[in-house]
Amino acid sequence: MTEHNLPEKDDAPWLNTTYDGFMTHEEMLEVAAQREAANEVIVAKVSDEDFEKVMDAAARQELINEALIELDAIVLGGQNTREFYLSVSHIRNVLERLK
């Protein structure tokens, strides 16, 4: 028997102590570190893509709001010919940028 009360290899020859099918603690830590690193890369990539999508959506919404303000001015009336032309021109530019 060993100091930890385990049988010596000669005491139990049927036991194969070279491989028990389980990872050692160091191997488990290594696998966990690899998974964590892979997760960090994925999270960073997704976060960057989501940020870009949100910013694009916010910019588009701002352009749409500007166009709606110009449309309100046209609908309400009271504009001279030049103001009307500038409002329609602005709406056209917004729509061109949103294509």
PDB file of N, CA and C in Angstrom:
ATOM      1  N   MET A   1       0.831  -1.185   0.000  1.00  0.00           N
ATOM      2  CA  MET A   1       0.000   0.000   0.000  1.00  0.00           C
ATOM      3  C   MET A   1       0.876   1.249   0.000  1.00  0.00           C
ATOM      4  N   THR A   2       0.342   2.289  -0.646  1.00  0.00           N
ATOM      5  CA  THR A   2       1.086   3.545  -0.678  1.00  0.00           C
ATOM      6  C   THR A   2       0.774   4.344   0.571  1.00  0.00           C
ATOM      7  N   GLU A   3       1.391   5.513   0.675  1.00  0.00           N
ATOM      8  CA  GLU A   3       1.151   6.356   1.847  1.00  0.00           C
ATOM      9  C   GLU A   3      -0.281   6.860   1.907  1.00  0.00           C
ATOM     10  N   HIS A   4      -0.994   6.878   0.756  1.00  0.00           N
ATOM     11  CA  HIS A   4      -2.385   7.339   0.723  1.00  0.00           C
ATOM     12  C   HIS A   4      -3.365   6.170   0.782  1.00  0.00           C
ATOM     13  N   ASN A   5      -2.886   5.021   1.186  1.00  0.00           N
ATOM     14  CA  ASN A   5      -3.714   3.829   1.344  1.00  0.00           C
ATOM     15  C   ASN A   5      -4.230   3.294   0.020  1.00  0.00           C
ATOM     16  N   LEU A   6      -3.496   3.553  -1.061  1.00  0.00           N
ATOM     17  CA  LEU A   6      -3.852   3.010  -2.365  1.00  0.00           C
ATOM     18  C   LEU A   6      -3.007   1.776  -2.624  1.00  0.00           C
ATOM     19  N   PRO A   7      -3.570   0.830  -3.379  1.00  0.00           N
ATOM     20  CA  PRO A   7      -2.783  -0.373  -3.640  1.00  0.00           C
ATOM     21  C   PRO A   7      -1.621  -0.083  -4.587  1.00  0.00           C
ATOM     22  N   GLU A   8      -0.522  -0.726  -4.341  1.00  0.00           N
ATOM     23  CA  GLU A   8       0.603  -0.650  -5.267  1.00  0.00           C
ATOM     24  C   GLU A   8       0.214  -1.398  -6.538  1.00  0.00           C
ATOM     25  N   LYS A   9       0.899  -1.091  -7.635  1.00  0.00           N
ATOM     26  CA  LYS A   9       0.569  -1.734  -8.890  1.00  0.00           C
ATOM     27  C   LYS A   9       0.732  -3.254  -8.777  1.00  0.00           C
ATOM     28  N   ASP A  10       1.725  -3.663  -8.030  1.00  0.00           N
ATOM     29  CA  ASP A  10       1.953  -5.103  -7.880  1.00  0.00           C
ATOM     30  C   ASP A  10       0.874  -5.749  -7.024  1.00  0.00           C
ATOM     31  N   ASP A  11       0.255  -4.972  -6.121  1.00  0.00           N
ATOM     32  CA  ASP A  11      -0.795  -5.515  -5.267  1.00  0.00           C
ATOM     33  C   ASP A  11      -2.081  -5.765  -6.048  1.00  0.00           C
ATOM     34  N   ALA A  12      -2.322  -4.985  -7.104  1.00  0.00           N
ATOM     35  CA  ALA A  12      -3.536  -5.132  -7.910  1.00  0.00           C
ATOM     36  C   ALA A  12      -3.154  -5.049  -9.386  1.00  0.00           C
ATOM     37  N   PRO A  13      -2.636  -6.109  -9.949  1.00  0.00           N
ATOM     38  CA  PRO A  13      -2.154  -6.050 -11.334  1.00  0.00           C
ATOM     39  C   PRO A  13      -3.278  -5.809 -12.351  1.00  0.00           C
ATOM     40  N   TRP A  14      -4.520  -6.054 -11.967  1.00  0.00           N
ATOM     41  CA  TRP A  14      -5.632  -5.831 -12.886  1.00  0.00           C
ATOM     42  C   TRP A  14      -5.950  -4.343 -13.063  1.00  0.00           C
ATOM     43  N   LEU A  15      -5.429  -3.491 -12.170  1.00  0.00           N
ATOM     44  CA  LEU A  15      -5.651  -2.055 -12.299  1.00  0.00           C
ATOM     45  C   LEU A  15      -4.628  -1.461 -13.260  1.00  0.00           C
ATOM     46  N   ASN A  16      -5.120  -0.758 -14.252  1.00  0.00           N
ATOM     47  CA  ASN A  16      -4.235  -0.062 -15.169  1.00  0.00           C
ATOM     48  C   ASN A  16      -4.249   1.405 -14.746  1.00  0.00           C
ATOM     49  N   THR A  17      -3.231   1.836 -14.054  1.00  0.00           N
ATOM     50  CA  THR A  17      -3.202   3.192 -13.506  1.00  0.00           C
ATOM     51  C   THR A  17      -2.579   4.207 -14.460  1.00  0.00           C
ATOM     52  N   THR A  18      -2.225   3.763 -15.664  1.00  0.00           N
ATOM     53  CA  THR A  18      -1.595   4.715 -16.592  1.00  0.00           C
ATOM     54  C   THR A  18      -2.622   5.665 -17.192  1.00  0.00           C
ATOM     55  N   TYR A  19      -3.849   5.217 -17.421  1.00  0.00           N
ATOM     56  CA  TYR A  19      -4.883   6.089 -17.996  1.00  0.00           C
ATOM     57  C   TYR A  19      -6.235   5.696 -17.425  1.00  0.00           C
ATOM     58  N   ASP A  20      -6.899   6.638 -16.796  1.00  0.00           N
ATOM     59  CA  ASP A  20      -8.199   6.333 -16.208  1.00  0.00           C
ATOM     60  C   ASP A  20      -9.353   6.954 -16.999  1.00  0.00           C
ATOM     61  N   GLY A  21      -9.073   7.637 -18.135  1.00  0.00           N
ATOM     62  CA  GLY A  21     -10.129   8.218 -18.956  1.00  0.00           C
ATOM     63  C   GLY A  21     -10.512   9.623 -18.556  1.00  0.00           C
ATOM     64  N   PHE A  22      -9.924  10.128 -17.495  1.00  0.00           N
ATOM     65  CA  PHE A  22     -10.249  11.473 -17.027  1.00  0.00           C
ATOM     66  C   PHE A  22      -9.046  12.388 -17.228  1.00  0.00           C
ATOM     67  N   MET A  23      -9.344  13.671 -17.417  1.00  0.00           N
ATOM     68  CA  MET A  23      -8.262  14.641 -17.565  1.00  0.00           C
ATOM     69  C   MET A  23      -7.698  14.993 -16.196  1.00  0.00           C
ATOM     70  N   THR A  24      -6.432  15.348 -16.197  1.00  0.00           N
ATOM     71  CA  THR A  24      -5.830  15.839 -14.963  1.00  0.00           C
ATOM     72  C   THR A  24      -6.334  17.260 -14.722  1.00  0.00           C
ATOM     73  N   HIS A  25      -6.075  17.764 -13.547  1.00  0.00           N
ATOM     74  CA  HIS A  25      -6.510  19.114 -13.202  1.00  0.00           C
ATOM     75  C   HIS A  25      -5.860  20.142 -14.137  1.00  0.00           C
ATOM     76  N   GLU A  26      -4.586  19.948 -14.435  1.00  0.00           N
ATOM     77  CA  GLU A  26      -3.877  20.868 -15.326  1.00  0.00           C
ATOM     78  C   GLU A  26      -4.494  20.842 -16.724  1.00  0.00           C
ATOM     79  N   GLU A  27      -4.845  19.657 -17.216  1.00  0.00           N
ATOM     80  CA  GLU A  27      -5.485  19.553 -18.536  1.00  0.00           C
ATOM     81  C   GLU A  27      -6.844  20.252 -18.545  1.00  0.00           C
ATOM     82  N   MET A  28      -7.604  20.097 -17.469  1.00  0.00           N
ATOM     83  CA  MET A  28      -8.910  20.767 -17.391  1.00  0.00           C
ATOM     84  C   MET A  28      -8.740  22.279 -17.384  1.00  0.00           C
ATOM     85  N   LEU A  29      -7.753  22.780 -16.658  1.00  0.00           N
ATOM     86  CA  LEU A  29      -7.498  24.221 -16.639  1.00  0.00           C
ATOM     87  C   LEU A  29      -7.081  24.731 -18.012  1.00  0.00           C
ATOM     88  N   GLU A  30      -6.283  23.947 -18.714  1.00  0.00           N
ATOM     89  CA  GLU A  30      -5.840  24.336 -20.055  1.00  0.00           C
ATOM     90  C   GLU A  30      -7.022  24.402 -21.027  1.00  0.00           C
ATOM     91  N   VAL A  31      -7.886  23.402 -20.995  1.00  0.00           N
ATOM     92  CA  VAL A  31      -9.075  23.392 -21.852  1.00  0.00           C
ATOM     93  C   VAL A  31     -10.003  24.557 -21.507  1.00  0.00           C
ATOM     94  N   ALA A  32     -10.169  24.823 -20.227  1.00  0.00           N
ATOM     95  CA  ALA A  32     -11.021  25.939 -19.796  1.00  0.00           C
ATOM     96  C   ALA A  32     -10.453  27.271 -20.284  1.00  0.00           C
ATOM     97  N   ALA A  33      -9.139  27.429 -20.219  1.00  0.00           N
ATOM     98  CA  ALA A  33      -8.506  28.665 -20.695  1.00  0.00           C
ATOM     99  C   ALA A  33      -8.687  28.827 -22.196  1.00  0.00           C
ATOM    100  N   GLN A  34      -8.567  27.727 -22.945  1.00  0.00           N
ATOM    101  CA  GLN A  34      -8.767  27.786 -24.399  1.00  0.00           C
ATOM    102  C   GLN A  34     -10.204  28.177 -24.730  1.00  0.00           C
ATOM    103  N   ARG A  35     -11.164  27.595 -24.030  1.00  0.00           N
ATOM    104  CA  ARG A  35     -12.574  27.926 -24.273  1.00  0.00           C
ATOM    105  C   ARG A  35     -12.853  29.386 -23.921  1.00  0.00           C
ATOM    106  N   GLU A  36     -12.297  29.859 -22.826  1.00  0.00           N
ATOM    107  CA  GLU A  36     -12.505  31.246 -22.408  1.00  0.00           C
ATOM    108  C   GLU A  36     -11.933  32.212 -23.440  1.00  0.00           C
ATOM    109  N   ALA A  37     -10.750  31.903 -23.957  1.00  0.00           N
ATOM    110  CA  ALA A  37     -10.141  32.764 -24.974  1.00  0.00           C
ATOM    111  C   ALA A  37     -10.992  32.791 -26.240  1.00  0.00           C
ATOM    112  N   ALA A  38     -11.499  31.632 -26.639  1.00  0.00           N
ATOM    113  CA  ALA A  38     -12.356  31.568 -27.824  1.00  0.00           C
ATOM    114  C   ALA A  38     -13.647  32.351 -27.600  1.00  0.00           C
ATOM    115  N   ASN A  39     -14.220  32.250 -26.411  1.00  0.00           N
ATOM    116  CA  ASN A  39     -15.445  32.994 -26.100  1.00  0.00           C
ATOM    117  C   ASN A  39     -15.210  34.495 -26.131  1.00  0.00           C
ATOM    118  N   GLU A  40     -14.070  34.952 -25.627  1.00  0.00           N
ATOM    119  CA  GLU A  40     -13.759  36.386 -25.622  1.00  0.00           C
ATOM    120  C   GLU A  40     -13.663  36.927 -27.043  1.00  0.00           C
ATOM    121  N   VAL A  41     -13.067  36.154 -27.942  1.00  0.00           N
ATOM    122  CA  VAL A  41     -12.953  36.574 -29.341  1.00  0.00           C
ATOM    123  C   VAL A  41     -14.341  36.687 -29.962  1.00  0.00           C
ATOM    124  N   ILE A  42     -15.190  35.712 -29.706  1.00  0.00           N
ATOM    125  CA  ILE A  42     -16.547  35.721 -30.269  1.00  0.00           C
ATOM    126  C   ILE A  42     -17.345  36.888 -29.717  1.00  0.00           C
ATOM    127  N   VAL A  43     -17.264  37.119 -28.412  1.00  0.00           N
ATOM    128  CA  VAL A  43     -18.008  38.216 -27.786  1.00  0.00           C
ATOM    129  C   VAL A  43     -17.542  39.554 -28.332  1.00  0.00           C
ATOM    130  N   ALA A  44     -16.234  39.733 -28.497  1.00  0.00           N
ATOM    131  CA  ALA A  44     -15.709  40.993 -29.020  1.00  0.00           C
ATOM    132  C   ALA A  44     -16.190  41.220 -30.449  1.00  0.00           C
ATOM    133  N   LYS A  45     -16.183  40.165 -31.258  1.00  0.00           N
ATOM    134  CA  LYS A  45     -16.615  40.301 -32.642  1.00  0.00           C
ATOM    135  C   LYS A  45     -18.100  40.645 -32.717  1.00  0.00           C
ATOM    136  N   VAL A  46     -18.916  39.947 -31.948  1.00  0.00           N
ATOM    137  CA  VAL A  46     -20.354  40.196 -31.945  1.00  0.00           C
ATOM    138  C   VAL A  46     -20.652  41.592 -31.412  1.00  0.00           C
ATOM    139  N   SER A  47     -19.936  42.011 -30.372  1.00  0.00           N
ATOM    140  CA  SER A  47     -20.160  43.334 -29.799  1.00  0.00           C
ATOM    141  C   SER A  47     -19.849  44.427 -30.814  1.00  0.00           C
ATOM    142  N   ASP A  48     -18.748  44.275 -31.558  1.00  0.00           N
ATOM    143  CA  ASP A  48     -18.397  45.261 -32.582  1.00  0.00           C
ATOM    144  C   ASP A  48     -19.445  45.311 -33.680  1.00  0.00           C
ATOM    145  N   GLU A  49     -19.910  44.134 -34.122  1.00  0.00           N
ATOM    146  CA  GLU A  49     -20.927  44.090 -35.174  1.00  0.00           C
ATOM    147  C   GLU A  49     -22.239  44.710 -34.690  1.00  0.00           C
ATOM    148  N   ASP A  50     -22.640  44.397 -33.461  1.00  0.00           N
ATOM    149  CA  ASP A  50     -23.872  44.968 -32.915  1.00  0.00           C
ATOM    150  C   ASP A  50     -23.765  46.475 -32.781  1.00  0.00           C
ATOM    151  N   PHE A  51     -22.602  46.963 -32.338  1.00  0.00           N
ATOM    152  CA  PHE A  51     -22.403  48.398 -32.191  1.00  0.00           C
ATOM    153  C   PHE A  51     -22.543  49.093 -33.539  1.00  0.00           C
ATOM    154  N   GLU A  52     -21.930  48.515 -34.568  1.00  0.00           N
ATOM    155  CA  GLU A  52     -22.027  49.105 -35.908  1.00  0.00           C
ATOM    156  C   GLU A  52     -23.475  49.111 -36.397  1.00  0.00           C
ATOM    157  N   LYS A  53     -24.195  48.030 -36.159  1.00  0.00           N
ATOM    158  CA  LYS A  53     -25.598  47.967 -36.577  1.00  0.00           C
ATOM    159  C   LYS A  53     -26.439  49.011 -35.863  1.00  0.00           C
ATOM    160  N   VAL A  54     -26.207  49.173 -34.561  1.00  0.00           N
ATOM    161  CA  VAL A  54     -26.976  50.153 -33.786  1.00  0.00           C
ATOM    162  C   VAL A  54     -26.665  51.562 -34.268  1.00  0.00           C
ATOM    163  N   MET A  55     -25.390  51.837 -34.514  1.00  0.00           N
ATOM    164  CA  MET A  55     -25.018  53.173 -34.981  1.00  0.00           C
ATOM    165  C   MET A  55     -25.584  53.450 -36.375  1.00  0.00           C
ATOM    166  N   ASP A  56     -25.566  52.458 -37.260  1.00  0.00           N
ATOM    167  CA  ASP A  56     -26.162  52.630 -38.586  1.00  0.00           C
ATOM    168  C   ASP A  56     -27.657  52.887 -38.473  1.00  0.00           C
ATOM    169  N   ALA A  57     -28.313  52.150 -37.620  1.00  0.00           N
ATOM    170  CA  ALA A  57     -29.755  52.336 -37.436  1.00  0.00           C
ATOM    171  C   ALA A  57     -30.054  53.716 -36.864  1.00  0.00           C
ATOM    172  N   ALA A  58     -29.225  54.186 -35.935  1.00  0.00           N
ATOM    173  CA  ALA A  58     -29.441  55.507 -35.341  1.00  0.00           C
ATOM    174  C   ALA A  58     -29.236  56.605 -36.378  1.00  0.00           C
ATOM    175  N   ALA A  59     -28.220  56.449 -37.213  1.00  0.00           N
ATOM    176  CA  ALA A  59     -27.976  57.447 -38.263  1.00  0.00           C
ATOM    177  C   ALA A  59     -29.130  57.474 -39.258  1.00  0.00           C
ATOM    178  N   ARG A  60     -29.611  56.294 -39.628  1.00  0.00           N
ATOM    179  CA  ARG A  60     -30.751  56.230 -40.552  1.00  0.00           C
ATOM    180  C   ARG A  60     -31.987  56.876 -39.933  1.00  0.00           C
ATOM    181  N   GLN A  61     -32.218  56.607 -38.652  1.00  0.00           N
ATOM    182  CA  GLN A  61     -33.385  57.174 -37.982  1.00  0.00           C
ATOM    183  C   GLN A  61     -33.293  58.688 -37.916  1.00  0.00           C
ATOM    184  N   GLU A  62     -32.093  59.212 -37.696  1.00  0.00           N
ATOM    185  CA  GLU A  62     -31.913  60.665 -37.661  1.00  0.00           C
ATOM    186  C   GLU A  62     -32.226  61.292 -39.015  1.00  0.00           C
ATOM    187  N   LEU A  63     -31.779  60.637 -40.085  1.00  0.00           N
ATOM    188  CA  LEU A  63     -32.081  61.136 -41.431  1.00  0.00           C
ATOM    189  C   LEU A  63     -33.588  61.104 -41.694  1.00  0.00           C
ATOM    190  N   ILE A  64     -34.222  60.041 -41.270  1.00  0.00           N
ATOM    191  CA  ILE A  64     -35.676  59.917 -41.469  1.00  0.00           C
ATOM    192  C   ILE A  64     -36.402  61.015 -40.698  1.00  0.00           C
ATOM    193  N   ASN A  65     -35.964  61.278 -39.468  1.00  0.00           N
ATOM    194  CA  ASN A  65     -36.595  62.331 -38.669  1.00  0.00           C
ATOM    195  C   ASN A  65     -36.447  63.700 -39.334  1.00  0.00           C
ATOM    196  N   GLU A  66     -35.269  63.969 -39.910  1.00  0.00           N
ATOM    197  CA  GLU A  66     -35.071  65.234 -40.620  1.00  0.00           C
ATOM    198  C   GLU A  66     -36.027  65.353 -41.806  1.00  0.00           C
ATOM    199  N   ALA A  67     -36.174  64.270 -42.541  1.00  0.00           N
ATOM    200  CA  ALA A  67     -37.074  64.286 -43.690  1.00  0.00           C
ATOM    201  C   ALA A  67     -38.520  64.488 -43.244  1.00  0.00           C
ATOM    202  N   LEU A  68     -38.902  63.873 -42.143  1.00  0.00           N
ATOM    203  CA  LEU A  68     -40.267  64.042 -41.644  1.00  0.00           C
ATOM    204  C   LEU A  68     -40.536  65.481 -41.214  1.00  0.00           C
ATOM    205  N   ILE A  69     -39.549  66.122 -40.637  1.00  0.00           N
ATOM    206  CA  ILE A  69     -39.708  67.534 -40.264  1.00  0.00           C
ATOM    207  C   ILE A  69     -39.938  68.384 -41.504  1.00  0.00           C
ATOM    208  N   GLU A  70     -39.183  68.102 -42.561  1.00  0.00           N
ATOM    209  CA  GLU A  70     -39.360  68.846 -43.810  1.00  0.00           C
ATOM    210  C   GLU A  70     -40.734  68.570 -44.419  1.00  0.00           C
ATOM    211  N   LEU A  71     -41.180  67.316 -44.351  1.00  0.00           N
ATOM    212  CA  LEU A  71     -42.513  66.988 -44.873  1.00  0.00           C
ATOM    213  C   LEU A  71     -43.604  67.706 -44.089  1.00  0.00           C
ATOM    214  N   ASP A  72     -43.427  67.787 -42.776  1.00  0.00           N
ATOM    215  CA  ASP A  72     -44.397  68.521 -41.951  1.00  0.00           C
ATOM    216  C   ASP A  72     -44.469  69.980 -42.380  1.00  0.00           C
ATOM    217  N   ALA A  73     -43.324  70.560 -42.661  1.00  0.00           N
ATOM    218  CA  ALA A  73     -43.306  71.962 -43.093  1.00  0.00           C
ATOM    219  C   ALA A  73     -44.046  72.129 -44.418  1.00  0.00           C
ATOM    220  N   ILE A  74     -43.891  71.168 -45.318  1.00  0.00           N
ATOM    221  CA  ILE A  74     -44.588  71.247 -46.614  1.00  0.00           C
ATOM    222  C   ILE A  74     -46.090  71.102 -46.413  1.00  0.00           C
ATOM    223  N   VAL A  75     -46.483  70.134 -45.593  1.00  0.00           N
ATOM    224  CA  VAL A  75     -47.903  69.879 -45.366  1.00  0.00           C
ATOM    225  C   VAL A  75     -48.573  71.069 -44.694  1.00  0.00           C
ATOM    226  N   LEU A  76     -47.901  71.666 -43.732  1.00  0.00           N
ATOM    227  CA  LEU A  76     -48.474  72.806 -43.015  1.00  0.00           C
ATOM    228  C   LEU A  76     -48.568  74.044 -43.910  1.00  0.00           C
ATOM    229  N   GLY A  77     -47.728  74.100 -44.919  1.00  0.00           N
ATOM    230  CA  GLY A  77     -47.777  75.229 -45.850  1.00  0.00           C
ATOM    231  C   GLY A  77     -47.105  76.460 -45.278  1.00  0.00           C
ATOM    232  N   GLY A  78     -47.360  77.613 -45.904  1.00  0.00           N
ATOM    233  CA  GLY A  78     -46.769  78.864 -45.450  1.00  0.00           C
ATOM    234  C   GLY A  78     -45.355  79.067 -45.936  1.00  0.00           C
ATOM    235  N   GLN A  79     -44.894  78.231 -46.869  1.00  0.00           N
ATOM    236  CA  GLN A  79     -43.549  78.384 -47.389  1.00  0.00           C
ATOM    237  C   GLN A  79     -43.613  79.125 -48.731  1.00  0.00           C
ATOM    238  N   ASN A  80     -42.582  79.907 -48.981  1.00  0.00           N
ATOM    239  CA  ASN A  80     -42.495  80.492 -50.310  1.00  0.00           C
ATOM    240  C   ASN A  80     -41.881  79.455 -51.251  1.00  0.00           C
ATOM    241  N   THR A  81     -41.734  79.798 -52.480  1.00  0.00           N
ATOM    242  CA  THR A  81     -41.264  78.850 -53.497  1.00  0.00           C
ATOM    243  C   THR A  81     -39.869  78.339 -53.174  1.00  0.00           C
ATOM    244  N   ARG A  82     -38.989  79.221 -52.755  1.00  0.00           N
ATOM    245  CA  ARG A  82     -37.607  78.819 -52.439  1.00  0.00           C
ATOM    246  C   ARG A  82     -37.593  77.848 -51.259  1.00  0.00           C
ATOM    247  N   GLU A  83     -38.321  78.120 -50.185  1.00  0.00           N
ATOM    248  CA  GLU A  83     -38.366  77.229 -49.023  1.00  0.00           C
ATOM    249  C   GLU A  83     -38.949  75.871 -49.404  1.00  0.00           C
ATOM    250  N   PHE A  84     -39.993  75.888 -50.233  1.00  0.00           N
ATOM    251  CA  PHE A  84     -40.601  74.645 -50.691  1.00  0.00           C
ATOM    252  C   PHE A  84     -39.578  73.823 -51.471  1.00  0.00           C
ATOM    253  N   TYR A  85     -38.854  74.463 -52.378  1.00  0.00           N
ATOM    254  CA  TYR A  85     -37.839  73.778 -53.181  1.00  0.00           C
ATOM    255  C   TYR A  85     -36.753  73.194 -52.275  1.00  0.00           C
ATOM    256  N   LEU A  86     -36.288  73.970 -51.281  1.00  0.00           N
ATOM    257  CA  LEU A  86     -35.244  73.486 -50.372  1.00  0.00           C
ATOM    258  C   LEU A  86     -35.737  72.295 -49.541  1.00  0.00           C
ATOM    259  N   SER A  87     -37.000  72.331 -49.113  1.00  0.00           N
ATOM    260  CA  SER A  87     -37.556  71.210 -48.347  1.00  0.00           C
ATOM    261  C   SER A  87     -37.611  69.948 -49.195  1.00  0.00           C
ATOM    262  N   VAL A  88     -38.111  70.078 -50.406  1.00  0.00           N
ATOM    263  CA  VAL A  88     -38.206  68.910 -51.302  1.00  0.00           C
ATOM    264  C   VAL A  88     -36.813  68.404 -51.649  1.00  0.00           C
ATOM    265  N   SER A  89     -35.890  69.318 -51.876  1.00  0.00           N
ATOM    266  CA  SER A  89     -34.515  68.935 -52.189  1.00  0.00           C
ATOM    267  C   SER A  89     -33.878  68.186 -51.015  1.00  0.00           C
ATOM    268  N   HIS A  90     -34.124  68.653 -49.800  1.00  0.00           N
ATOM    269  CA  HIS A  90     -33.582  67.990 -48.609  1.00  0.00           C
ATOM    270  C   HIS A  90     -34.153  66.575 -48.466  1.00  0.00           C
ATOM    271  N   ILE A  91     -35.432  66.442 -48.677  1.00  0.00           N
ATOM    272  CA  ILE A  91     -36.070  65.118 -48.580  1.00  0.00           C
ATOM    273  C   ILE A  91     -35.485  64.187 -49.632  1.00  0.00           C
ATOM    274  N   ARG A  92     -35.265  64.695 -50.828  1.00  0.00           N
ATOM    275  CA  ARG A  92     -34.680  63.879 -51.902  1.00  0.00           C
ATOM    276  C   ARG A  92     -33.273  63.420 -51.509  1.00  0.00           C
ATOM    277  N   ASN A  93     -32.480  64.319 -50.939  1.00  0.00           N
ATOM    278  CA  ASN A  93     -31.116  63.958 -50.515  1.00  0.00           C
ATOM    279  C   ASN A  93     -31.143  62.888 -49.420  1.00  0.00           C
ATOM    280  N   VAL A  94     -32.058  63.035 -48.494  1.00  0.00           N
ATOM    281  CA  VAL A  94     -32.193  62.029 -47.432  1.00  0.00           C
ATOM    282  C   VAL A  94     -32.533  60.672 -48.024  1.00  0.00           C
ATOM    283  N   LEU A  95     -33.485  60.654 -48.925  1.00  0.00           N
ATOM    284  CA  LEU A  95     -33.878  59.384 -49.545  1.00  0.00           C
ATOM    285  C   LEU A  95     -32.742  58.776 -50.348  1.00  0.00           C
ATOM    286  N   GLU A  96     -31.939  59.605 -51.001  1.00  0.00           N
ATOM    287  CA  GLU A  96     -30.795  59.109 -51.751  1.00  0.00           C
ATOM    288  C   GLU A  96     -29.778  58.454 -50.811  1.00  0.00           C
ATOM    289  N   ARG A  97     -29.540  59.068 -49.648  1.00  0.00           N
ATOM    290  CA  ARG A  97     -28.586  58.516 -48.692  1.00  0.00           C
ATOM    291  C   ARG A  97     -29.097  57.226 -48.056  1.00  0.00           C
ATOM    292  N   LEU A  98     -30.416  57.088 -47.982  1.00  0.00           N
ATOM    293  CA  LEU A  98     -30.981  55.878 -47.362  1.00  0.00           C
ATOM    294  C   LEU A  98     -31.071  54.695 -48.321  1.00  0.00           C
ATOM    295  N   LYS A  99     -30.754  54.897 -49.570  1.00  0.00           N
ATOM    296  CA  LYS A  99     -30.837  53.798 -50.547  1.00  0.00           C
ATOM    297  C   LYS A  99     -29.940  52.674 -50.158  1.00  0.00           C
TER     298      LYS A  99
END
